[in-house]
Amino acid sequence: NFVLTAAGVSRALQDLLQNLGLGAVGTLLVIVLIYIVLGFF
């Protein structure tokens, strides 16, 4: 987390999620999907 924050990756990922243009519910569903996929690995 420290390295990702220092490199700006965390902020870039936050910006990506915020700028998907899907609205609140769509962004939430993308986050849920991310958790499901990451949970596999």
PDB file of all heavy atoms in Angstrom:
ATOM      1  N   ASN A   1       0.826  -1.206   0.000  1.00  0.00           N
ATOM      2  CA  ASN A   1       0.000   0.000   0.000  1.00  0.00           C
ATOM      3  C   ASN A   1       0.859   1.254   0.000  1.00  0.00           C
ATOM      4  O   ASN A   1       0.548   2.233  -0.685  1.00  0.00           O
ATOM      5  CB  ASN A   1      -0.950   0.020   1.197  1.00  0.00           C
ATOM      6  CG  ASN A   1      -2.136  -0.877   0.987  1.00  0.00           C
ATOM      7  OD1 ASN A   1      -2.524  -1.145  -0.139  1.00  0.00           O
ATOM      8  ND2 ASN A   1      -2.717  -1.335   2.069  1.00  0.00           N
ATOM      9  N   PHE A   2       1.939   1.249   0.781  1.00  0.00           N
ATOM     10  CA  PHE A   2       2.833   2.405   0.832  1.00  0.00           C
ATOM     11  C   PHE A   2       3.461   2.663  -0.543  1.00  0.00           C
ATOM     12  O   PHE A   2       3.491   3.793  -1.024  1.00  0.00           O
ATOM     13  CB  PHE A   2       3.925   2.188   1.885  1.00  0.00           C
ATOM     14  CG  PHE A   2       4.925   3.307   1.937  1.00  0.00           C
ATOM     15  CD1 PHE A   2       4.605   4.503   2.546  1.00  0.00           C
ATOM     16  CD2 PHE A   2       6.173   3.156   1.351  1.00  0.00           C
ATOM     17  CE1 PHE A   2       5.519   5.548   2.584  1.00  0.00           C
ATOM     18  CE2 PHE A   2       7.089   4.189   1.371  1.00  0.00           C
ATOM     19  CZ  PHE A   2       6.767   5.390   1.994  1.00  0.00           C
ATOM     20  N   VAL A   3       3.934   1.611  -1.173  1.00  0.00           N
ATOM     21  CA  VAL A   3       4.563   1.748  -2.492  1.00  0.00           C
ATOM     22  C   VAL A   3       3.536   2.213  -3.533  1.00  0.00           C
ATOM     23  O   VAL A   3       3.822   3.089  -4.350  1.00  0.00           O
ATOM     24  CB  VAL A   3       5.234   0.428  -2.918  1.00  0.00           C
ATOM     25  CG1 VAL A   3       5.661   0.457  -4.368  1.00  0.00           C
ATOM     26  CG2 VAL A   3       6.408   0.120  -2.010  1.00  0.00           C
ATOM     27  N   LEU A   4       2.335   1.615  -3.498  1.00  0.00           N
ATOM     28  CA  LEU A   4       1.292   2.016  -4.443  1.00  0.00           C
ATOM     29  C   LEU A   4       0.904   3.475  -4.259  1.00  0.00           C
ATOM     30  O   LEU A   4       0.701   4.206  -5.228  1.00  0.00           O
ATOM     31  CB  LEU A   4       0.064   1.121  -4.307  1.00  0.00           C
ATOM     32  CG  LEU A   4       0.217  -0.327  -4.764  1.00  0.00           C
ATOM     33  CD1 LEU A   4      -1.048  -1.117  -4.473  1.00  0.00           C
ATOM     34  CD2 LEU A   4       0.586  -0.415  -6.226  1.00  0.00           C
ATOM     35  N   THR A   5       0.820   3.909  -3.009  1.00  0.00           N
ATOM     36  CA  THR A   5       0.484   5.307  -2.728  1.00  0.00           C
ATOM     37  C   THR A   5       1.613   6.229  -3.169  1.00  0.00           C
ATOM     38  O   THR A   5       1.371   7.274  -3.792  1.00  0.00           O
ATOM     39  CB  THR A   5       0.188   5.498  -1.231  1.00  0.00           C
ATOM     40  OG1 THR A   5      -0.883   4.625  -0.866  1.00  0.00           O
ATOM     41  CG2 THR A   5      -0.204   6.923  -0.924  1.00  0.00           C
ATOM     42  N   ALA A   6       2.845   5.856  -2.858  1.00  0.00           N
ATOM     43  CA  ALA A   6       3.993   6.684  -3.234  1.00  0.00           C
ATOM     44  C   ALA A   6       4.127   6.792  -4.754  1.00  0.00           C
ATOM     45  O   ALA A   6       4.517   7.842  -5.277  1.00  0.00           O
ATOM     46  CB  ALA A   6       5.276   6.119  -2.635  1.00  0.00           C
ATOM     47  N   ALA A   7       3.793   5.737  -5.462  1.00  0.00           N
ATOM     48  CA  ALA A   7       3.898   5.745  -6.920  1.00  0.00           C
ATOM     49  C   ALA A   7       2.684   6.388  -7.585  1.00  0.00           C
ATOM     50  O   ALA A   7       2.673   6.593  -8.796  1.00  0.00           O
ATOM     51  CB  ALA A   7       4.073   4.326  -7.440  1.00  0.00           C
ATOM     52  N   GLY A   8       1.649   6.700  -6.791  1.00  0.00           N
ATOM     53  CA  GLY A   8       0.452   7.321  -7.335  1.00  0.00           C
ATOM     54  C   GLY A   8      -0.546   6.347  -7.910  1.00  0.00           C
ATOM     55  O   GLY A   8      -1.546   6.745  -8.498  1.00  0.00           O
ATOM     56  N   VAL A   9      -0.296   5.053  -7.738  1.00  0.00           N
ATOM     57  CA  VAL A   9      -1.196   4.041  -8.291  1.00  0.00           C
ATOM     58  C   VAL A   9      -2.532   4.052  -7.558  1.00  0.00           C
ATOM     59  O   VAL A   9      -3.592   3.943  -8.188  1.00  0.00           O
ATOM     60  CB  VAL A   9      -0.546   2.639  -8.239  1.00  0.00           C
ATOM     61  CG1 VAL A   9      -1.512   1.570  -8.683  1.00  0.00           C
ATOM     62  CG2 VAL A   9       0.708   2.617  -9.084  1.00  0.00           C
ATOM     63  N   SER A  10      -2.501   4.207  -6.235  1.00  0.00           N
ATOM     64  CA  SER A  10      -3.749   4.229  -5.468  1.00  0.00           C
ATOM     65  C   SER A  10      -4.652   5.358  -5.939  1.00  0.00           C
ATOM     66  O   SER A  10      -5.852   5.163  -6.140  1.00  0.00           O
ATOM     67  CB  SER A  10      -3.458   4.401  -3.971  1.00  0.00           C
ATOM     68  OG  SER A  10      -2.779   3.288  -3.482  1.00  0.00           O
ATOM     69  N   ARG A  11      -4.094   6.532  -6.099  1.00  0.00           N
ATOM     70  CA  ARG A  11      -4.875   7.688  -6.565  1.00  0.00           C
ATOM     71  C   ARG A  11      -5.391   7.450  -7.987  1.00  0.00           C
ATOM     72  O   ARG A  11      -6.533   7.791  -8.311  1.00  0.00           O
ATOM     73  CB  ARG A  11      -4.017   8.952  -6.510  1.00  0.00           C
ATOM     74  CG  ARG A  11      -4.763  10.195  -6.825  1.00  0.00           C
ATOM     75  CD  ARG A  11      -5.713  10.553  -5.691  1.00  0.00           C
ATOM     76  NE  ARG A  11      -6.925  11.080  -6.289  1.00  0.00           N
ATOM     77  CZ  ARG A  11      -8.108  11.065  -5.739  1.00  0.00           C
ATOM     78  NH1 ARG A  11      -8.281  10.575  -4.546  1.00  0.00           N
ATOM     79  NH2 ARG A  11      -9.144  11.554  -6.347  1.00  0.00           N
ATOM     80  N   ALA A  12      -4.561   6.853  -8.828  1.00  0.00           N
ATOM     81  CA  ALA A  12      -4.980   6.565 -10.204  1.00  0.00           C
ATOM     82  C   ALA A  12      -6.136   5.568 -10.221  1.00  0.00           C
ATOM     83  O   ALA A  12      -7.086   5.721 -11.008  1.00  0.00           O
ATOM     84  CB  ALA A  12      -3.802   6.034 -11.012  1.00  0.00           C
ATOM     85  N   LEU A  13      -6.073   4.553  -9.357  1.00  0.00           N
ATOM     86  CA  LEU A  13      -7.166   3.581  -9.287  1.00  0.00           C
ATOM     87  C   LEU A  13      -8.440   4.228  -8.755  1.00  0.00           C
ATOM     88  O   LEU A  13      -9.538   3.937  -9.238  1.00  0.00           O
ATOM     89  CB  LEU A  13      -6.762   2.389  -8.418  1.00  0.00           C
ATOM     90  CG  LEU A  13      -5.715   1.458  -9.020  1.00  0.00           C
ATOM     91  CD1 LEU A  13      -5.280   0.415  -8.001  1.00  0.00           C
ATOM     92  CD2 LEU A  13      -6.240   0.789 -10.276  1.00  0.00           C
ATOM     93  N   GLN A  14      -8.303   5.103  -7.755  1.00  0.00           N
ATOM     94  CA  GLN A  14      -9.472   5.829  -7.245  1.00  0.00           C
ATOM     95  C   GLN A  14     -10.089   6.689  -8.345  1.00  0.00           C
ATOM     96  O   GLN A  14     -11.308   6.704  -8.521  1.00  0.00           O
ATOM     97  CB  GLN A  14      -9.082   6.703  -6.057  1.00  0.00           C
ATOM     98  CG  GLN A  14      -8.849   5.945  -4.782  1.00  0.00           C
ATOM     99  CD  GLN A  14      -8.394   6.853  -3.651  1.00  0.00           C
ATOM    100  OE1 GLN A  14      -8.135   8.036  -3.840  1.00  0.00           O
ATOM    101  NE2 GLN A  14      -8.287   6.288  -2.466  1.00  0.00           N
ATOM    102  N   ASP A  15      -9.248   7.404  -9.080  1.00  0.00           N
ATOM    103  CA  ASP A  15      -9.745   8.241 -10.172  1.00  0.00           C
ATOM    104  C   ASP A  15     -10.432   7.395 -11.241  1.00  0.00           C
ATOM    105  O   ASP A  15     -11.468   7.785 -11.780  1.00  0.00           O
ATOM    106  CB  ASP A  15      -8.605   9.053 -10.800  1.00  0.00           C
ATOM    107  CG  ASP A  15      -8.073  10.131  -9.873  1.00  0.00           C
ATOM    108  OD1 ASP A  15      -8.782  10.495  -8.902  1.00  0.00           O
ATOM    109  OD2 ASP A  15      -6.942  10.599 -10.108  1.00  0.00           O
ATOM    110  N   LEU A  16      -9.856   6.241 -11.543  1.00  0.00           N
ATOM    111  CA  LEU A  16     -10.455   5.344 -12.526  1.00  0.00           C
ATOM    112  C   LEU A  16     -11.849   4.911 -12.088  1.00  0.00           C
ATOM    113  O   LEU A  16     -12.802   4.959 -12.871  1.00  0.00           O
ATOM    114  CB  LEU A  16      -9.564   4.118 -12.747  1.00  0.00           C
ATOM    115  CG  LEU A  16     -10.128   3.041 -13.671  1.00  0.00           C
ATOM    116  CD1 LEU A  16     -10.127   3.538 -15.108  1.00  0.00           C
ATOM    117  CD2 LEU A  16      -9.349   1.764 -13.549  1.00  0.00           C
ATOM    118  N   LEU A  17     -11.986   4.503 -10.821  1.00  0.00           N
ATOM    119  CA  LEU A  17     -13.282   4.074 -10.316  1.00  0.00           C
ATOM    120  C   LEU A  17     -14.283   5.223 -10.307  1.00  0.00           C
ATOM    121  O   LEU A  17     -15.464   5.035 -10.614  1.00  0.00           O
ATOM    122  CB  LEU A  17     -13.139   3.494  -8.903  1.00  0.00           C
ATOM    123  CG  LEU A  17     -12.518   2.107  -8.805  1.00  0.00           C
ATOM    124  CD1 LEU A  17     -12.277   1.732  -7.356  1.00  0.00           C
ATOM    125  CD2 LEU A  17     -13.391   1.072  -9.484  1.00  0.00           C
ATOM    126  N   GLN A  18     -13.820   6.420  -9.953  1.00  0.00           N
ATOM    127  CA  GLN A  18     -14.726   7.564  -9.872  1.00  0.00           C
ATOM    128  C   GLN A  18     -15.146   8.056 -11.253  1.00  0.00           C
ATOM    129  O   GLN A  18     -16.227   8.606 -11.406  1.00  0.00           O
ATOM    130  CB  GLN A  18     -14.063   8.706  -9.095  1.00  0.00           C
ATOM    131  CG  GLN A  18     -13.913   8.396  -7.619  1.00  0.00           C
ATOM    132  CD  GLN A  18     -13.030   9.393  -6.897  1.00  0.00           C
ATOM    133  OE1 GLN A  18     -12.263  10.116  -7.513  1.00  0.00           O
ATOM    134  NE2 GLN A  18     -13.130   9.405  -5.578  1.00  0.00           N
ATOM    135  N   ASN A  19     -14.318   7.859 -12.256  1.00  0.00           N
ATOM    136  CA  ASN A  19     -14.587   8.397 -13.583  1.00  0.00           C
ATOM    137  C   ASN A  19     -15.094   7.350 -14.571  1.00  0.00           C
ATOM    138  O   ASN A  19     -14.989   7.550 -15.781  1.00  0.00           O
ATOM    139  CB  ASN A  19     -13.323   9.071 -14.138  1.00  0.00           C
ATOM    140  CG  ASN A  19     -12.895  10.250 -13.296  1.00  0.00           C
ATOM    141  OD1 ASN A  19     -13.729  10.952 -12.739  1.00  0.00           O
ATOM    142  ND2 ASN A  19     -11.603  10.460 -13.180  1.00  0.00           N
ATOM    143  N   LEU A  20     -15.644   6.271 -14.068  1.00  0.00           N
ATOM    144  CA  LEU A  20     -16.178   5.251 -14.973  1.00  0.00           C
ATOM    145  C   LEU A  20     -17.433   5.731 -15.695  1.00  0.00           C
ATOM    146  O   LEU A  20     -17.779   5.210 -16.750  1.00  0.00           O
ATOM    147  CB  LEU A  20     -16.493   3.965 -14.196  1.00  0.00           C
ATOM    148  CG  LEU A  20     -15.308   3.120 -13.752  1.00  0.00           C
ATOM    149  CD1 LEU A  20     -15.768   1.956 -12.886  1.00  0.00           C
ATOM    150  CD2 LEU A  20     -14.541   2.607 -14.952  1.00  0.00           C
ATOM    151  N   GLY A  21     -18.116   6.698 -15.106  1.00  0.00           N
ATOM    152  CA  GLY A  21     -19.329   7.217 -15.727  1.00  0.00           C
ATOM    153  C   GLY A  21     -20.514   6.283 -15.614  1.00  0.00           C
ATOM    154  O   GLY A  21     -21.439   6.360 -16.403  1.00  0.00           O
ATOM    155  N   LEU A  22     -20.491   5.404 -14.636  1.00  0.00           N
ATOM    156  CA  LEU A  22     -21.561   4.422 -14.472  1.00  0.00           C
ATOM    157  C   LEU A  22     -22.572   4.816 -13.402  1.00  0.00           C
ATOM    158  O   LEU A  22     -23.537   4.100 -13.180  1.00  0.00           O
ATOM    159  CB  LEU A  22     -20.965   3.061 -14.112  1.00  0.00           C
ATOM    160  CG  LEU A  22     -20.017   2.445 -15.121  1.00  0.00           C
ATOM    161  CD1 LEU A  22     -19.434   1.154 -14.586  1.00  0.00           C
ATOM    162  CD2 LEU A  22     -20.727   2.194 -16.443  1.00  0.00           C
ATOM    163  N   GLY A  23     -22.337   5.898 -12.712  1.00  0.00           N
ATOM    164  CA  GLY A  23     -23.208   6.267 -11.613  1.00  0.00           C
ATOM    165  C   GLY A  23     -22.825   5.500 -10.363  1.00  0.00           C
ATOM    166  O   GLY A  23     -21.924   4.650 -10.366  1.00  0.00           O
ATOM    167  N   ALA A  24     -23.537   5.797  -9.285  1.00  0.00           N
ATOM    168  CA  ALA A  24     -23.200   5.204  -7.994  1.00  0.00           C
ATOM    169  C   ALA A  24     -23.416   3.690  -7.981  1.00  0.00           C
ATOM    170  O   ALA A  24     -22.548   2.933  -7.531  1.00  0.00           O
ATOM    171  CB  ALA A  24     -24.019   5.868  -6.884  1.00  0.00           C
ATOM    172  N   VAL A  25     -24.545   3.242  -8.495  1.00  0.00           N
ATOM    173  CA  VAL A  25     -24.845   1.802  -8.471  1.00  0.00           C
ATOM    174  C   VAL A  25     -23.913   1.043  -9.404  1.00  0.00           C
ATOM    175  O   VAL A  25     -23.403  -0.024  -9.052  1.00  0.00           O
ATOM    176  CB  VAL A  25     -26.324   1.544  -8.824  1.00  0.00           C
ATOM    177  CG1 VAL A  25     -26.613   0.057  -8.919  1.00  0.00           C
ATOM    178  CG2 VAL A  25     -27.241   2.191  -7.800  1.00  0.00           C
ATOM    179  N   GLY A  26     -23.674   1.569 -10.564  1.00  0.00           N
ATOM    180  CA  GLY A  26     -22.773   0.910 -11.512  1.00  0.00           C
ATOM    181  C   GLY A  26     -21.360   0.795 -10.977  1.00  0.00           C
ATOM    182  O   GLY A  26     -20.715  -0.249 -11.110  1.00  0.00           O
ATOM    183  N   THR A  27     -20.876   1.877 -10.368  1.00  0.00           N
ATOM    184  CA  THR A  27     -19.538   1.839  -9.769  1.00  0.00           C
ATOM    185  C   THR A  27     -19.487   0.834  -8.631  1.00  0.00           C
ATOM    186  O   THR A  27     -18.510   0.089  -8.504  1.00  0.00           O
ATOM    187  CB  THR A  27     -19.134   3.243  -9.271  1.00  0.00           C
ATOM    188  OG1 THR A  27     -19.216   4.155 -10.368  1.00  0.00           O
ATOM    189  CG2 THR A  27     -17.728   3.240  -8.718  1.00  0.00           C
ATOM    190  N   LEU A  28     -20.548   0.788  -7.820  1.00  0.00           N
ATOM    191  CA  LEU A  28     -20.601  -0.190  -6.728  1.00  0.00           C
ATOM    192  C   LEU A  28     -20.564  -1.616  -7.288  1.00  0.00           C
ATOM    193  O   LEU A  28     -19.845  -2.472  -6.756  1.00  0.00           O
ATOM    194  CB  LEU A  28     -21.854   0.017  -5.887  1.00  0.00           C
ATOM    195  CG  LEU A  28     -22.069  -1.009  -4.779  1.00  0.00           C
ATOM    196  CD1 LEU A  28     -20.971  -0.896  -3.723  1.00  0.00           C
ATOM    197  CD2 LEU A  28     -23.426  -0.847  -4.154  1.00  0.00           C
ATOM    198  N   LEU A  29     -21.290  -1.876  -8.354  1.00  0.00           N
ATOM    199  CA  LEU A  29     -21.286  -3.216  -8.943  1.00  0.00           C
ATOM    200  C   LEU A  29     -19.916  -3.579  -9.509  1.00  0.00           C
ATOM    201  O   LEU A  29     -19.493  -4.736  -9.417  1.00  0.00           O
ATOM    202  CB  LEU A  29     -22.374  -3.334 -10.011  1.00  0.00           C
ATOM    203  CG  LEU A  29     -23.811  -3.263  -9.491  1.00  0.00           C
ATOM    204  CD1 LEU A  29     -24.806  -3.298 -10.642  1.00  0.00           C
ATOM    205  CD2 LEU A  29     -24.102  -4.360  -8.489  1.00  0.00           C
ATOM    206  N   VAL A  30     -19.217  -2.606 -10.068  1.00  0.00           N
ATOM    207  CA  VAL A  30     -17.851  -2.849 -10.543  1.00  0.00           C
ATOM    208  C   VAL A  30     -16.951  -3.208  -9.363  1.00  0.00           C
ATOM    209  O   VAL A  30     -16.144  -4.145  -9.444  1.00  0.00           O
ATOM    210  CB  VAL A  30     -17.303  -1.628 -11.315  1.00  0.00           C
ATOM    211  CG1 VAL A  30     -15.808  -1.738 -11.543  1.00  0.00           C
ATOM    212  CG2 VAL A  30     -18.030  -1.479 -12.638  1.00  0.00           C
ATOM    213  N   ILE A  31     -17.091  -2.496  -8.250  1.00  0.00           N
ATOM    214  CA  ILE A  31     -16.286  -2.778  -7.054  1.00  0.00           C
ATOM    215  C   ILE A  31     -16.603  -4.176  -6.527  1.00  0.00           C
ATOM    216  O   ILE A  31     -15.698  -4.937  -6.158  1.00  0.00           O
ATOM    217  CB  ILE A  31     -16.497  -1.691  -5.987  1.00  0.00           C
ATOM    218  CG1 ILE A  31     -15.865  -0.376  -6.462  1.00  0.00           C
ATOM    219  CG2 ILE A  31     -15.920  -2.113  -4.643  1.00  0.00           C
ATOM    220  CD1 ILE A  31     -16.192   0.829  -5.613  1.00  0.00           C
ATOM    221  N   VAL A  32     -17.879  -4.546  -6.506  1.00  0.00           N
ATOM    222  CA  VAL A  32     -18.268  -5.892  -6.069  1.00  0.00           C
ATOM    223  C   VAL A  32     -17.648  -6.937  -6.989  1.00  0.00           C
ATOM    224  O   VAL A  32     -17.104  -7.945  -6.517  1.00  0.00           O
ATOM    225  CB  VAL A  32     -19.812  -6.024  -6.018  1.00  0.00           C
ATOM    226  CG1 VAL A  32     -20.238  -7.477  -5.893  1.00  0.00           C
ATOM    227  CG2 VAL A  32     -20.379  -5.195  -4.887  1.00  0.00           C
ATOM    228  N   LEU A  33     -17.688  -6.701  -8.277  1.00  0.00           N
ATOM    229  CA  LEU A  33     -17.083  -7.628  -9.233  1.00  0.00           C
ATOM    230  C   LEU A  33     -15.570  -7.736  -9.013  1.00  0.00           C
ATOM    231  O   LEU A  33     -15.005  -8.840  -9.079  1.00  0.00           O
ATOM    232  CB  LEU A  33     -17.387  -7.188 -10.665  1.00  0.00           C
ATOM    233  CG  LEU A  33     -16.869  -8.095 -11.764  1.00  0.00           C
ATOM    234  CD1 LEU A  33     -17.560  -9.457 -11.702  1.00  0.00           C
ATOM    235  CD2 LEU A  33     -17.097  -7.470 -13.123  1.00  0.00           C
ATOM    236  N   ILE A  34     -14.927  -6.619  -8.736  1.00  0.00           N
ATOM    237  CA  ILE A  34     -13.491  -6.633  -8.455  1.00  0.00           C
ATOM    238  C   ILE A  34     -13.200  -7.484  -7.230  1.00  0.00           C
ATOM    239  O   ILE A  34     -12.266  -8.294  -7.228  1.00  0.00           O
ATOM    240  CB  ILE A  34     -12.952  -5.195  -8.284  1.00  0.00           C
ATOM    241  CG1 ILE A  34     -12.929  -4.475  -9.635  1.00  0.00           C
ATOM    242  CG2 ILE A  34     -11.570  -5.194  -7.647  1.00  0.00           C
ATOM    243  CD1 ILE A  34     -12.669  -2.988  -9.535  1.00  0.00           C
ATOM    244  N   TYR A  35     -13.999  -7.329  -6.173  1.00  0.00           N
ATOM    245  CA  TYR A  35     -13.794  -8.137  -4.967  1.00  0.00           C
ATOM    246  C   TYR A  35     -14.004  -9.625  -5.254  1.00  0.00           C
ATOM    247  O   TYR A  35     -13.274 -10.470  -4.732  1.00  0.00           O
ATOM    248  CB  TYR A  35     -14.718  -7.687  -3.827  1.00  0.00           C
ATOM    249  CG  TYR A  35     -14.094  -6.637  -2.959  1.00  0.00           C
ATOM    250  CD1 TYR A  35     -14.427  -5.301  -3.093  1.00  0.00           C
ATOM    251  CD2 TYR A  35     -13.152  -6.979  -1.993  1.00  0.00           C
ATOM    252  CE1 TYR A  35     -13.851  -4.334  -2.299  1.00  0.00           C
ATOM    253  CE2 TYR A  35     -12.569  -6.016  -1.200  1.00  0.00           C
ATOM    254  CZ  TYR A  35     -12.919  -4.699  -1.358  1.00  0.00           C
ATOM    255  OH  TYR A  35     -12.328  -3.754  -0.568  1.00  0.00           O
ATOM    256  N   ILE A  36     -14.988  -9.948  -6.063  1.00  0.00           N
ATOM    257  CA  ILE A  36     -15.236 -11.355  -6.380  1.00  0.00           C
ATOM    258  C   ILE A  36     -14.047 -11.934  -7.145  1.00  0.00           C
ATOM    259  O   ILE A  36     -13.551 -13.016  -6.816  1.00  0.00           O
ATOM    260  CB  ILE A  36     -16.547 -11.513  -7.172  1.00  0.00           C
ATOM    261  CG1 ILE A  36     -17.739 -11.201  -6.260  1.00  0.00           C
ATOM    262  CG2 ILE A  36     -16.669 -12.920  -7.756  1.00  0.00           C
ATOM    263  CD1 ILE A  36     -19.065 -11.098  -6.980  1.00  0.00           C
ATOM    264  N   VAL A  37     -13.573 -11.219  -8.159  1.00  0.00           N
ATOM    265  CA  VAL A  37     -12.455 -11.723  -8.962  1.00  0.00           C
ATOM    266  C   VAL A  37     -11.180 -11.794  -8.130  1.00  0.00           C
ATOM    267  O   VAL A  37     -10.458 -12.803  -8.166  1.00  0.00           O
ATOM    268  CB  VAL A  37     -12.252 -10.846 -10.222  1.00  0.00           C
ATOM    269  CG1 VAL A  37     -10.970 -11.202 -10.939  1.00  0.00           C
ATOM    270  CG2 VAL A  37     -13.446 -10.989 -11.150  1.00  0.00           C
ATOM    271  N   LEU A  38     -10.874 -10.756  -7.360  1.00  0.00           N
ATOM    272  CA  LEU A  38      -9.670 -10.791  -6.529  1.00  0.00           C
ATOM    273  C   LEU A  38      -9.754 -11.886  -5.469  1.00  0.00           C
ATOM    274  O   LEU A  38      -8.737 -12.469  -5.094  1.00  0.00           O
ATOM    275  CB  LEU A  38      -9.442  -9.432  -5.856  1.00  0.00           C
ATOM    276  CG  LEU A  38      -8.970  -8.299  -6.758  1.00  0.00           C
ATOM    277  CD1 LEU A  38      -8.869  -7.006  -5.970  1.00  0.00           C
ATOM    278  CD2 LEU A  38      -7.655  -8.636  -7.415  1.00  0.00           C
ATOM    279  N   GLY A  39     -10.973 -12.183  -5.005  1.00  0.00           N
ATOM    280  CA  GLY A  39     -11.157 -13.243  -4.014  1.00  0.00           C
ATOM    281  C   GLY A  39     -10.772 -14.619  -4.531  1.00  0.00           C
ATOM    282  O   GLY A  39     -10.449 -15.523  -3.751  1.00  0.00           O
ATOM    283  N   PHE A  40     -10.799 -14.796  -5.838  1.00  0.00           N
ATOM    284  CA  PHE A  40     -10.360 -16.069  -6.413  1.00  0.00           C
ATOM    285  C   PHE A  40      -8.862 -16.292  -6.220  1.00  0.00           C
ATOM    286  O   PHE A  40      -8.404 -17.426  -6.167  1.00  0.00           O
ATOM    287  CB  PHE A  40     -10.657 -16.135  -7.915  1.00  0.00           C
ATOM    288  CG  PHE A  40     -12.114 -16.201  -8.266  1.00  0.00           C
ATOM    289  CD1 PHE A  40     -12.563 -15.629  -9.442  1.00  0.00           C
ATOM    290  CD2 PHE A  40     -13.033 -16.828  -7.451  1.00  0.00           C
ATOM    291  CE1 PHE A  40     -13.900 -15.687  -9.799  1.00  0.00           C
ATOM    292  CE2 PHE A  40     -14.370 -16.888  -7.789  1.00  0.00           C
ATOM    293  CZ  PHE A  40     -14.808 -16.320  -8.960  1.00  0.00           C
ATOM    294  N   PHE A  41      -8.102 -15.202  -6.143  1.00  0.00           N
ATOM    295  CA  PHE A  41      -6.654 -15.321  -6.223  1.00  0.00           C
ATOM    296  C   PHE A  41      -5.879 -14.792  -5.018  1.00  0.00           C
ATOM    297  O   PHE A  41      -4.693 -15.075  -4.899  1.00  0.00           O
ATOM    298  CB  PHE A  41      -6.147 -14.587  -7.478  1.00  0.00           C
ATOM    299  CG  PHE A  41      -6.818 -15.048  -8.725  1.00  0.00           C
ATOM    300  CD1 PHE A  41      -7.751 -14.256  -9.356  1.00  0.00           C
ATOM    301  CD2 PHE A  41      -6.535 -16.293  -9.258  1.00  0.00           C
ATOM    302  CE1 PHE A  41      -8.394 -14.688 -10.507  1.00  0.00           C
ATOM    303  CE2 PHE A  41      -7.164 -16.736 -10.399  1.00  0.00           C
ATOM    304  CZ  PHE A  41      -8.098 -15.931 -11.029  1.00  0.00           C
TER     305      PHE A  41
END
